[in-house]
Amino acid sequence: MPFYIVHVSGRPKRKRAIADGRGFETSGAAEEVAKQRWRDGDYFIVEAEDEHEAERRAIPASRGLDP
């Protein structure tokens, strides 16, 4: 399964997730690209079948960072 970069934004109850678009073979490769594109760090690397599944998985994964 590929790894996707997913940008998560918004308030805790109204979060949005946008997958970067292409999948990567490894989480390390995705992380390298994510660090260049999302320097503020509000992204998640998610292993998923496709972009839509990655977006769905990123929102629950981000809940641990909510205030």
PDB file of N, CA and C in Angstrom:
ATOM      1  N   MET A   1       0.842  -1.177   0.000  1.00  0.00           N
ATOM      2  CA  MET A   1       0.000   0.000   0.000  1.00  0.00           C
ATOM      3  C   MET A   1       0.885   1.237   0.000  1.00  0.00           C
ATOM      4  N   PRO A   2       0.491   2.247  -0.754  1.00  0.00           N
ATOM      5  CA  PRO A   2       1.282   3.484  -0.783  1.00  0.00           C
ATOM      6  C   PRO A   2       1.076   4.343   0.465  1.00  0.00           C
ATOM      7  N   PHE A   3       1.995   5.273   0.641  1.00  0.00           N
ATOM      8  CA  PHE A   3       1.924   6.253   1.732  1.00  0.00           C
ATOM      9  C   PHE A   3       1.574   7.604   1.118  1.00  0.00           C
ATOM     10  N   TYR A   4       0.669   8.318   1.767  1.00  0.00           N
ATOM     11  CA  TYR A   4       0.221   9.618   1.280  1.00  0.00           C
ATOM     12  C   TYR A   4       0.555  10.707   2.295  1.00  0.00           C
ATOM     13  N   ILE A   5       0.813  11.888   1.765  1.00  0.00           N
ATOM     14  CA  ILE A   5       0.965  13.085   2.595  1.00  0.00           C
ATOM     15  C   ILE A   5      -0.429  13.701   2.679  1.00  0.00           C
ATOM     16  N   VAL A   6      -0.893  13.940   3.889  1.00  0.00           N
ATOM     17  CA  VAL A   6      -2.207  14.545   4.063  1.00  0.00           C
ATOM     18  C   VAL A   6      -2.062  15.779   4.947  1.00  0.00           C
ATOM     19  N   HIS A   7      -2.508  16.912   4.435  1.00  0.00           N
ATOM     20  CA  HIS A   7      -2.505  18.185   5.163  1.00  0.00           C
ATOM     21  C   HIS A   7      -3.823  18.273   5.919  1.00  0.00           C
ATOM     22  N   VAL A   8      -3.734  18.485   7.239  1.00  0.00           N
ATOM     23  CA  VAL A   8      -4.930  18.577   8.076  1.00  0.00           C
ATOM     24  C   VAL A   8      -5.019  19.994   8.627  1.00  0.00           C
ATOM     25  N   SER A   9      -6.203  20.588   8.518  1.00  0.00           N
ATOM     26  CA  SER A   9      -6.388  21.947   9.032  1.00  0.00           C
ATOM     27  C   SER A   9      -7.801  22.082   9.593  1.00  0.00           C
ATOM     28  N   GLY A  10      -8.020  23.173  10.310  1.00  0.00           N
ATOM     29  CA  GLY A  10      -9.337  23.462  10.849  1.00  0.00           C
ATOM     30  C   GLY A  10      -9.440  23.189  12.334  1.00  0.00           C
ATOM     31  N   ARG A  11     -10.536  23.637  12.888  1.00  0.00           N
ATOM     32  CA  ARG A  11     -10.820  23.438  14.305  1.00  0.00           C
ATOM     33  C   ARG A  11     -11.155  21.979  14.568  1.00  0.00           C
ATOM     34  N   PRO A  12     -11.009  21.547  15.824  1.00  0.00           N
ATOM     35  CA  PRO A  12     -11.207  20.131  16.143  1.00  0.00           C
ATOM     36  C   PRO A  12     -12.498  19.502  15.600  1.00  0.00           C
ATOM     37  N   LYS A  13     -13.605  20.213  15.646  1.00  0.00           N
ATOM     38  CA  LYS A  13     -14.866  19.615  15.185  1.00  0.00           C
ATOM     39  C   LYS A  13     -15.145  19.875  13.712  1.00  0.00           C
ATOM     40  N   ARG A  14     -14.278  20.641  13.052  1.00  0.00           N
ATOM     41  CA  ARG A  14     -14.504  20.967  11.637  1.00  0.00           C
ATOM     42  C   ARG A  14     -13.231  20.777  10.820  1.00  0.00           C
ATOM     43  N   LYS A  15     -12.519  19.720  11.061  1.00  0.00           N
ATOM     44  CA  LYS A  15     -11.246  19.489  10.380  1.00  0.00           C
ATOM     45  C   LYS A  15     -11.452  19.126   8.923  1.00  0.00           C
ATOM     46  N   ARG A  16     -10.464  19.521   8.137  1.00  0.00           N
ATOM     47  CA  ARG A  16     -10.427  19.166   6.721  1.00  0.00           C
ATOM     48  C   ARG A  16      -9.102  18.479   6.457  1.00  0.00           C
ATOM     49  N   ALA A  17      -9.133  17.542   5.565  1.00  0.00           N
ATOM     50  CA  ALA A  17      -7.913  16.835   5.184  1.00  0.00           C
ATOM     51  C   ALA A  17      -7.811  16.836   3.667  1.00  0.00           C
ATOM     52  N   ILE A  18      -6.621  17.147   3.176  1.00  0.00           N
ATOM     53  CA  ILE A  18      -6.386  17.162   1.734  1.00  0.00           C
ATOM     54  C   ILE A  18      -5.139  16.341   1.448  1.00  0.00           C
ATOM     55  N   ALA A  19      -5.317  15.268   0.701  1.00  0.00           N
ATOM     56  CA  ALA A  19      -4.173  14.434   0.330  1.00  0.00           C
ATOM     57  C   ALA A  19      -3.364  15.148  -0.741  1.00  0.00           C
ATOM     58  N   ASP A  20      -2.065  14.977  -0.683  1.00  0.00           N
ATOM     59  CA  ASP A  20      -1.143  15.637  -1.594  1.00  0.00           C
ATOM     60  C   ASP A  20      -1.338  15.195  -3.035  1.00  0.00           C
ATOM     61  N   GLY A  21      -1.880  14.030  -3.246  1.00  0.00           N
ATOM     62  CA  GLY A  21      -2.190  13.633  -4.606  1.00  0.00           C
ATOM     63  C   GLY A  21      -1.523  12.370  -5.096  1.00  0.00           C
ATOM     64  N   ARG A  22      -0.263  12.210  -4.799  1.00  0.00           N
ATOM     65  CA  ARG A  22       0.381  10.988  -5.276  1.00  0.00           C
ATOM     66  C   ARG A  22       0.861  10.174  -4.089  1.00  0.00           C
ATOM     67  N   GLY A  23       0.880   8.889  -4.266  1.00  0.00           N
ATOM     68  CA  GLY A  23       1.354   8.010  -3.211  1.00  0.00           C
ATOM     69  C   GLY A  23       2.844   7.752  -3.350  1.00  0.00           C
ATOM     70  N   PHE A  24       3.470   7.391  -2.249  1.00  0.00           N
ATOM     71  CA  PHE A  24       4.903   7.101  -2.209  1.00  0.00           C
ATOM     72  C   PHE A  24       5.102   5.652  -1.787  1.00  0.00           C
ATOM     73  N   GLU A  25       6.207   5.075  -2.235  1.00  0.00           N
ATOM     74  CA  GLU A  25       6.488   3.675  -1.906  1.00  0.00           C
ATOM     75  C   GLU A  25       6.826   3.475  -0.437  1.00  0.00           C
ATOM     76  N   THR A  26       7.468   4.473   0.173  1.00  0.00           N
ATOM     77  CA  THR A  26       7.860   4.350   1.577  1.00  0.00           C
ATOM     78  C   THR A  26       7.408   5.575   2.358  1.00  0.00           C
ATOM     79  N   SER A  27       7.277   5.397   3.664  1.00  0.00           N
ATOM     80  CA  SER A  27       6.910   6.539   4.504  1.00  0.00           C
ATOM     81  C   SER A  27       8.052   7.550   4.543  1.00  0.00           C
ATOM     82  N   GLY A  28       9.297   7.071   4.467  1.00  0.00           N
ATOM     83  CA  GLY A  28      10.449   7.972   4.463  1.00  0.00           C
ATOM     84  C   GLY A  28      10.464   8.896   3.263  1.00  0.00           C
ATOM     85  N   ALA A  29      10.136   8.370   2.098  1.00  0.00           N
ATOM     86  CA  ALA A  29      10.085   9.195   0.886  1.00  0.00           C
ATOM     87  C   ALA A  29       8.977  10.242   1.012  1.00  0.00           C
ATOM     88  N   ALA A  30       7.832   9.835   1.542  1.00  0.00           N
ATOM     89  CA  ALA A  30       6.729  10.783   1.737  1.00  0.00           C
ATOM     90  C   ALA A  30       7.125  11.858   2.738  1.00  0.00           C
ATOM     91  N   GLU A  31       7.820  11.478   3.791  1.00  0.00           N
ATOM     92  CA  GLU A  31       8.238  12.432   4.827  1.00  0.00           C
ATOM     93  C   GLU A  31       9.193  13.477   4.263  1.00  0.00           C
ATOM     94  N   GLU A  32      10.122  13.061   3.435  1.00  0.00           N
ATOM     95  CA  GLU A  32      11.071  14.008   2.833  1.00  0.00           C
ATOM     96  C   GLU A  32      10.355  15.069   2.013  1.00  0.00           C
ATOM     97  N   VAL A  33       9.417  14.644   1.192  1.00  0.00           N
ATOM     98  CA  VAL A  33       8.664  15.587   0.365  1.00  0.00           C
ATOM     99  C   VAL A  33       7.773  16.466   1.240  1.00  0.00           C
ATOM    100  N   ALA A  34       7.137  15.877   2.240  1.00  0.00           N
ATOM    101  CA  ALA A  34       6.247  16.638   3.123  1.00  0.00           C
ATOM    102  C   ALA A  34       6.989  17.756   3.842  1.00  0.00           C
ATOM    103  N   LYS A  35       8.199  17.494   4.288  1.00  0.00           N
ATOM    104  CA  LYS A  35       8.985  18.516   4.991  1.00  0.00           C
ATOM    105  C   LYS A  35       9.267  19.718   4.095  1.00  0.00           C
ATOM    106  N   GLN A  36       9.391  19.490   2.804  1.00  0.00           N
ATOM    107  CA  GLN A  36       9.642  20.588   1.868  1.00  0.00           C
ATOM    108  C   GLN A  36       8.367  21.367   1.567  1.00  0.00           C
ATOM    109  N   ARG A  37       7.256  20.666   1.442  1.00  0.00           N
ATOM    110  CA  ARG A  37       5.995  21.305   1.046  1.00  0.00           C
ATOM    111  C   ARG A  37       5.226  21.918   2.207  1.00  0.00           C
ATOM    112  N   TRP A  38       5.282  21.301   3.365  1.00  0.00           N
ATOM    113  CA  TRP A  38       4.497  21.719   4.526  1.00  0.00           C
ATOM    114  C   TRP A  38       5.442  22.004   5.678  1.00  0.00           C
ATOM    115  N   ARG A  39       6.182  23.048   5.589  1.00  0.00           N
ATOM    116  CA  ARG A  39       7.201  23.377   6.593  1.00  0.00           C
ATOM    117  C   ARG A  39       6.637  23.633   7.974  1.00  0.00           C
ATOM    118  N   ASP A  40       5.370  23.988   8.057  1.00  0.00           N
ATOM    119  CA  ASP A  40       4.768  24.226   9.372  1.00  0.00           C
ATOM    120  C   ASP A  40       4.421  22.923  10.091  1.00  0.00           C
ATOM    121  N   GLY A  41       4.535  21.800   9.412  1.00  0.00           N
ATOM    122  CA  GLY A  41       4.387  20.501  10.050  1.00  0.00           C
ATOM    123  C   GLY A  41       2.973  20.003  10.245  1.00  0.00           C
ATOM    124  N   ASP A  42       1.977  20.673   9.685  1.00  0.00           N
ATOM    125  CA  ASP A  42       0.611  20.201   9.897  1.00  0.00           C
ATOM    126  C   ASP A  42       0.192  19.214   8.800  1.00  0.00           C
ATOM    127  N   TYR A  43       0.914  18.131   8.740  1.00  0.00           N
ATOM    128  CA  TYR A  43       0.622  17.058   7.795  1.00  0.00           C
ATOM    129  C   TYR A  43       0.786  15.720   8.504  1.00  0.00           C
ATOM    130  N   PHE A  44       0.235  14.705   7.890  1.00  0.00           N
ATOM    131  CA  PHE A  44       0.369  13.347   8.389  1.00  0.00           C
ATOM    132  C   PHE A  44       0.761  12.456   7.228  1.00  0.00           C
ATOM    133  N   ILE A  45       1.550  11.465   7.513  1.00  0.00           N
ATOM    134  CA  ILE A  45       1.888  10.448   6.529  1.00  0.00           C
ATOM    135  C   ILE A  45       0.987   9.263   6.846  1.00  0.00           C
ATOM    136  N   VAL A  46       0.185   8.880   5.869  1.00  0.00           N
ATOM    137  CA  VAL A  46      -0.822   7.855   6.091  1.00  0.00           C
ATOM    138  C   VAL A  46      -0.687   6.763   5.035  1.00  0.00           C
ATOM    139  N   GLU A  47      -0.715   5.526   5.475  1.00  0.00           N
ATOM    140  CA  GLU A  47      -0.705   4.399   4.553  1.00  0.00           C
ATOM    141  C   GLU A  47      -2.160   4.064   4.220  1.00  0.00           C
ATOM    142  N   ALA A  48      -2.486   4.053   2.934  1.00  0.00           N
ATOM    143  CA  ALA A  48      -3.871   3.828   2.523  1.00  0.00           C
ATOM    144  C   ALA A  48      -3.924   3.330   1.084  1.00  0.00           C
ATOM    145  N   GLU A  49      -5.064   2.803   0.713  1.00  0.00           N
ATOM    146  CA  GLU A  49      -5.272   2.312  -0.651  1.00  0.00           C
ATOM    147  C   GLU A  49      -5.313   3.447  -1.671  1.00  0.00           C
ATOM    148  N   ASP A  50      -5.901   4.595  -1.277  1.00  0.00           N
ATOM    149  CA  ASP A  50      -6.024   5.723  -2.207  1.00  0.00           C
ATOM    150  C   ASP A  50      -6.097   7.036  -1.424  1.00  0.00           C
ATOM    151  N   GLU A  51      -6.184   8.135  -2.162  1.00  0.00           N
ATOM    152  CA  GLU A  51      -6.210   9.474  -1.548  1.00  0.00           C
ATOM    153  C   GLU A  51      -7.378   9.653  -0.587  1.00  0.00           C
ATOM    154  N   HIS A  52      -8.554   9.196  -0.985  1.00  0.00           N
ATOM    155  CA  HIS A  52      -9.748   9.404  -0.168  1.00  0.00           C
ATOM    156  C   HIS A  52      -9.654   8.652   1.159  1.00  0.00           C
ATOM    157  N   GLU A  53      -9.145   7.446   1.111  1.00  0.00           N
ATOM    158  CA  GLU A  53      -8.965   6.690   2.353  1.00  0.00           C
ATOM    159  C   GLU A  53      -7.912   7.365   3.235  1.00  0.00           C
ATOM    160  N   ALA A  54      -6.852   7.890   2.619  1.00  0.00           N
ATOM    161  CA  ALA A  54      -5.814   8.586   3.378  1.00  0.00           C
ATOM    162  C   ALA A  54      -6.393   9.806   4.096  1.00  0.00           C
ATOM    163  N   GLU A  55      -7.254  10.553   3.415  1.00  0.00           N
ATOM    164  CA  GLU A  55      -7.886  11.718   4.041  1.00  0.00           C
ATOM    165  C   GLU A  55      -8.750  11.295   5.227  1.00  0.00           C
ATOM    166  N   ARG A  56      -9.493  10.220   5.054  1.00  0.00           N
ATOM    167  CA  ARG A  56     -10.352   9.734   6.149  1.00  0.00           C
ATOM    168  C   ARG A  56      -9.518   9.283   7.341  1.00  0.00           C
ATOM    169  N   ARG A  57      -8.384   8.671   7.112  1.00  0.00           N
ATOM    170  CA  ARG A  57      -7.545   8.180   8.209  1.00  0.00           C
ATOM    171  C   ARG A  57      -6.781   9.299   8.913  1.00  0.00           C
ATOM    172  N   ALA A  58      -6.460  10.360   8.208  1.00  0.00           N
ATOM    173  CA  ALA A  58      -5.645  11.433   8.775  1.00  0.00           C
ATOM    174  C   ALA A  58      -6.393  12.225   9.853  1.00  0.00           C
ATOM    175  N   ILE A  59      -7.672  12.430   9.680  1.00  0.00           N
ATOM    176  CA  ILE A  59      -8.423  13.233  10.649  1.00  0.00           C
ATOM    177  C   ILE A  59      -8.426  12.572  12.026  1.00  0.00           C
ATOM    178  N   PRO A  60      -8.773  11.300  12.167  1.00  0.00           N
ATOM    179  CA  PRO A  60      -8.689  10.678  13.497  1.00  0.00           C
ATOM    180  C   PRO A  60      -7.260  10.658  14.045  1.00  0.00           C
ATOM    181  N   ALA A  61      -6.299  10.486  13.154  1.00  0.00           N
ATOM    182  CA  ALA A  61      -4.903  10.464  13.597  1.00  0.00           C
ATOM    183  C   ALA A  61      -4.482  11.818  14.178  1.00  0.00           C
ATOM    184  N   SER A  62      -5.100  12.885  13.699  1.00  0.00           N
ATOM    185  CA  SER A  62      -4.733  14.225  14.151  1.00  0.00           C
ATOM    186  C   SER A  62      -5.393  14.606  15.482  1.00  0.00           C
ATOM    187  N   ARG A  63      -6.384  13.869  15.906  1.00  0.00           N
ATOM    188  CA  ARG A  63      -7.130  14.222  17.123  1.00  0.00           C
ATOM    189  C   ARG A  63      -6.249  14.292  18.357  1.00  0.00           C
ATOM    190  N   GLY A  64      -5.202  13.527  18.412  1.00  0.00           N
ATOM    191  CA  GLY A  64      -4.299  13.549  19.573  1.00  0.00           C
ATOM    192  C   GLY A  64      -3.568  14.865  19.747  1.00  0.00           C
ATOM    193  N   LEU A  65      -3.560  15.683  18.723  1.00  0.00           N
ATOM    194  CA  LEU A  65      -2.883  16.987  18.796  1.00  0.00           C
ATOM    195  C   LEU A  65      -3.826  18.128  19.124  1.00  0.00           C
ATOM    196  N   ASP A  66      -5.123  17.833  19.237  1.00  0.00           N
ATOM    197  CA  ASP A  66      -6.089  18.884  19.534  1.00  0.00           C
ATOM    198  C   ASP A  66      -5.907  19.397  20.948  1.00  0.00           C
ATOM    199  N   PRO A  67      -6.174  20.714  21.132  1.00  0.00           N
ATOM    200  CA  PRO A  67      -6.063  21.288  22.495  1.00  0.00           C
ATOM    201  C   PRO A  67      -7.151  20.789  23.415  1.00  0.00           C
TER     202      PRO A  67
END
